[in-house]
Amino acid sequence: MNDIEILKKIRTDYVDVFEGTYPFPLPFVGNDKIKAILLGTDPGNQVKGETKHFIKVFGLENANTPYFTQISSNIRLLNNLGIENIYVQNVCKNYFNCNAYNNPHWLSIARDIWLPLLKNELDYLFDRQIPVLLSTELILNLIINDKKKIPAKFIYENQVFIFEKENYLERTLIPFYRHRNYSLEQWNAYKCKIESYFENH
């Protein structure tokens, strides 16, 4: 399906969350060697009950976008990864009229419509050795093959990565959650594991 066909399907099958703005935000592409892919859920940020629209994902047409603040803070803590080394894309490229965690159909839409297209996009653009940073556990729950949820606290306490054979994208998945409870300032061992990964790959 192309973008317009996807919008028509969502309008037909999921009218309660439909928000028809087009075009969708563009991915952000760093200017240096791409070392990682970072995934957001979708561009459906709500500001005072209205959907905020972007040129690029997370509003990254603006270097000071407030929607990327926590992720930027975590990236700045890493010795061998910077914003210019990252390709940023959303799992669902279309807007919704609510935030992802308030969208009762998000997992279904992501799984049935967008995930195969995302995999094709990433495989076309990047070698499978390029890992994926996940900005939220909602994306992890979508992508892992074993549908048993892995609590965020367990991941950070035990420095858990999800490897190629364990997920749909067939890439190393690195939880890189944007929630303030998972600021890498508070999780030094996990930060060191991420740094070690990029130092050795």
Protein backbone atom coordinates (compact mmCIF):
# COMPACT_ATOMS: atom_id res chain seq x y z
CA MET A 1 0.00 0.00 0.00
CA ASN A 2 1.08 3.57 -0.60
CA ASP A 3 0.56 6.41 1.88
CA ILE A 4 -2.83 7.48 0.51
CA GLU A 5 -4.12 3.91 0.55
CA ILE A 6 -2.97 3.56 4.14
CA LEU A 7 -4.82 6.73 5.13
CA LYS A 8 -7.99 5.44 3.45
CA LYS A 9 -7.72 2.12 5.29
CA ILE A 10 -7.24 3.81 8.66
CA ARG A 11 -10.16 6.14 7.97
CA THR A 12 -12.33 3.14 7.13
CA ASP A 13 -11.20 0.64 9.77
CA TYR A 14 -10.09 2.89 12.63
CA VAL A 15 -12.16 6.05 12.24
CA ASP A 16 -12.06 6.87 15.96
CA VAL A 17 -8.30 7.58 15.83
CA PHE A 18 -8.09 8.91 12.27
CA GLU A 19 -6.31 12.23 11.64
CA GLY A 20 -5.88 12.77 7.93
CA THR A 21 -3.00 15.24 7.68
CA TYR A 22 -0.68 14.55 4.77
CA PRO A 23 2.24 14.52 3.99
CA PHE A 24 3.67 12.58 6.89
CA PRO A 25 6.82 13.82 8.64
CA LEU A 26 10.11 12.99 6.94
CA PRO A 27 12.76 10.89 8.68
CA PHE A 28 15.73 12.63 10.24
CA VAL A 29 19.05 11.58 8.71
CA GLY A 30 22.28 12.48 10.51
CA ASN A 31 25.10 14.03 8.48
CA ASP A 32 27.80 11.62 9.66
CA LYS A 33 28.14 7.85 9.44
CA ILE A 34 24.85 6.29 10.53
CA LYS A 35 25.52 3.99 13.49
CA ALA A 36 21.96 3.47 14.74
CA ILE A 37 18.28 3.73 13.83
CA LEU A 38 16.00 5.32 16.41
CA LEU A 39 12.29 4.56 16.31
CA GLY A 40 9.40 6.61 17.64
CA THR A 41 5.81 5.42 17.76
CA ASP A 42 4.05 7.96 15.52
CA PRO A 43 3.83 11.75 15.08
CA GLY A 44 0.54 12.12 17.00
CA ASN A 45 1.68 14.55 19.69
CA GLN A 46 -1.18 16.46 21.28
CA VAL A 47 -0.82 20.09 22.36
CA LYS A 48 -3.88 21.51 24.14
CA GLY A 49 -6.08 18.93 22.44
CA GLU A 50 -4.73 19.63 18.95
CA THR A 51 -2.35 17.48 16.93
CA LYS A 52 1.05 19.12 16.47
CA HIS A 53 2.33 18.78 12.89
CA PHE A 54 5.97 18.40 11.89
CA ILE A 55 8.20 18.56 8.83
CA LYS A 56 10.51 15.87 10.26
CA VAL A 57 9.90 13.21 12.89
CA PHE A 58 9.93 14.52 16.48
CA GLY A 59 9.99 18.05 15.02
CA LEU A 60 13.69 17.60 14.23
CA GLU A 61 13.57 20.32 11.60
CA ASN A 62 14.14 22.40 14.75
CA ALA A 63 17.40 21.59 16.55
CA ASN A 64 15.76 22.56 19.86
CA THR A 65 12.55 20.58 19.40
CA PRO A 66 10.96 19.87 22.80
CA TYR A 67 9.70 16.49 21.58
CA PHE A 68 13.22 15.04 21.43
CA THR A 69 14.62 16.56 24.63
CA GLN A 70 14.94 13.40 26.74
CA ILE A 71 16.33 11.37 23.84
CA SER A 72 18.85 14.12 23.07
CA SER A 73 19.90 14.21 26.72
CA ASN A 74 20.57 10.47 26.66
CA ILE A 75 22.48 10.66 23.38
CA ARG A 76 24.71 13.43 24.76
CA LEU A 77 25.74 11.13 27.61
CA LEU A 78 27.24 8.58 25.20
CA ASN A 79 30.89 8.82 24.20
CA ASN A 80 30.67 7.29 20.73
CA LEU A 81 27.20 8.10 19.42
CA GLY A 82 25.81 11.50 18.47
CA ILE A 83 22.65 12.83 16.84
CA GLU A 84 24.46 13.05 13.51
CA ASN A 85 25.06 9.28 13.64
CA ILE A 86 21.36 8.44 13.85
CA TYR A 87 18.50 7.81 11.43
CA VAL A 88 15.20 8.65 13.14
CA GLN A 89 11.87 7.30 11.90
CA ASN A 90 8.43 6.52 13.31
CA VAL A 91 6.93 3.04 13.24
CA CYS A 92 3.59 4.51 12.14
CA LYS A 93 4.25 7.42 9.81
CA ASN A 94 0.70 8.78 9.86
CA TYR A 95 -0.80 11.14 12.41
CA PHE A 96 -3.45 10.03 14.89
CA ASN A 97 -5.85 12.18 16.88
CA CYS A 98 -4.32 10.92 20.15
CA ASN A 99 -1.00 9.92 21.64
CA ALA A 100 0.17 6.35 21.08
CA TYR A 101 -0.54 5.14 24.62
CA ASN A 102 -4.11 6.46 24.33
CA ASN A 103 -4.66 4.76 20.97
CA PRO A 104 -6.47 1.43 21.47
CA HIS A 105 -5.60 0.37 17.92
CA TRP A 106 -1.93 1.35 17.84
CA LEU A 107 -0.48 -2.14 18.06
CA SER A 108 -2.90 -3.49 15.44
CA ILE A 109 -2.24 -0.66 12.97
CA ALA A 110 1.50 -0.84 13.54
CA ARG A 111 1.65 -4.63 13.19
CA ASP A 112 -0.73 -5.09 10.27
CA ILE A 113 0.03 -2.00 8.18
CA TRP A 114 3.31 -0.30 9.00
CA LEU A 115 5.74 -2.88 10.37
CA PRO A 116 6.35 -4.78 7.09
CA LEU A 117 6.89 -1.46 5.30
CA LEU A 118 9.29 -0.29 8.01
CA LYS A 119 11.32 -3.49 7.76
CA ASN A 120 11.59 -3.09 3.98
CA GLU A 121 12.67 0.54 4.38
CA LEU A 122 15.37 -0.22 6.93
CA ASP A 123 16.67 -3.25 5.04
CA TYR A 124 16.90 -1.19 1.86
CA LEU A 125 18.76 1.66 3.53
CA PHE A 126 20.97 -0.04 6.09
CA ASP A 127 22.99 -3.18 6.66
CA ARG A 128 21.49 -5.50 9.27
CA GLN A 129 24.44 -4.73 11.55
CA ILE A 130 22.94 -1.29 12.24
CA PRO A 131 21.01 -1.62 15.54
CA VAL A 132 17.68 -0.08 16.47
CA LEU A 133 17.18 2.18 19.49
CA LEU A 134 13.62 1.95 20.83
CA SER A 135 12.17 5.12 22.34
CA THR A 136 9.38 3.32 24.21
CA GLU A 137 8.44 -0.14 25.43
CA LEU A 138 5.33 -0.02 23.23
CA ILE A 139 7.62 -0.51 20.23
CA LEU A 140 9.48 -3.35 21.94
CA ASN A 141 6.20 -5.13 22.62
CA LEU A 142 5.33 -4.77 18.94
CA ILE A 143 8.61 -6.07 17.53
CA ILE A 144 9.74 -8.93 19.78
CA ASN A 145 8.88 -12.45 18.70
CA ASP A 146 8.22 -13.64 22.24
CA LYS A 147 5.18 -11.62 23.27
CA LYS A 148 5.96 -11.86 26.98
CA LYS A 149 6.46 -8.28 28.07
CA ILE A 150 9.88 -7.39 29.45
CA PRO A 151 9.51 -4.71 32.16
CA ALA A 152 11.55 -1.59 31.53
CA LYS A 153 13.09 -1.71 35.00
CA PHE A 154 14.28 -5.29 34.40
CA ILE A 155 15.87 -4.25 31.09
CA TYR A 156 17.77 -1.37 32.64
CA GLU A 157 18.79 -3.24 35.79
CA ASN A 158 20.07 -6.24 33.81
CA GLN A 159 21.36 -4.40 30.72
CA VAL A 160 19.16 -6.40 28.34
CA PHE A 161 19.44 -6.08 24.55
CA ILE A 162 17.20 -8.05 22.20
CA PHE A 163 19.10 -9.79 19.43
CA GLU A 164 18.40 -10.44 15.75
CA LYS A 165 16.69 -13.83 16.02
CA GLU A 166 14.39 -12.54 18.74
CA ASN A 167 12.59 -9.82 16.82
CA TYR A 168 10.75 -9.04 13.61
CA LEU A 169 13.27 -6.50 12.33
CA GLU A 170 16.13 -9.01 12.64
CA ARG A 171 18.43 -6.38 14.14
CA THR A 172 19.85 -5.80 17.59
CA LEU A 173 17.27 -3.84 19.58
CA ILE A 174 18.49 -1.48 22.29
CA PRO A 175 15.80 -0.07 24.60
CA PHE A 176 16.49 3.67 24.80
CA TYR A 177 13.37 4.88 26.50
CA ARG A 178 12.52 8.55 26.51
CA HIS A 179 10.65 8.47 29.84
CA ARG A 180 12.48 10.48 32.49
CA ASN A 181 12.62 7.42 34.78
CA TYR A 182 15.02 5.90 32.25
CA SER A 183 17.40 8.78 31.86
CA LEU A 184 20.84 7.24 31.41
CA GLU A 185 22.08 9.57 34.16
CA GLN A 186 20.36 7.16 36.56
CA TRP A 187 21.49 3.94 34.86
CA ASN A 188 25.26 4.06 34.55
CA ALA A 189 25.81 0.31 34.00
CA TYR A 190 23.30 0.30 31.16
CA LYS A 191 24.87 3.43 29.68
CA CYS A 192 28.27 1.74 29.75
CA LYS A 193 26.88 -1.33 27.99
CA ILE A 194 25.47 0.86 25.20
CA GLU A 195 28.78 2.70 24.88
CA SER A 196 30.65 -0.60 24.74
CA TYR A 197 28.33 -1.85 22.01
CA PHE A 198 29.01 1.13 19.76
CA GLU A 199 32.72 1.06 20.54
CA ASN A 200 32.92 -2.53 19.32
CA HIS A 201 30.61 -2.36 16.28
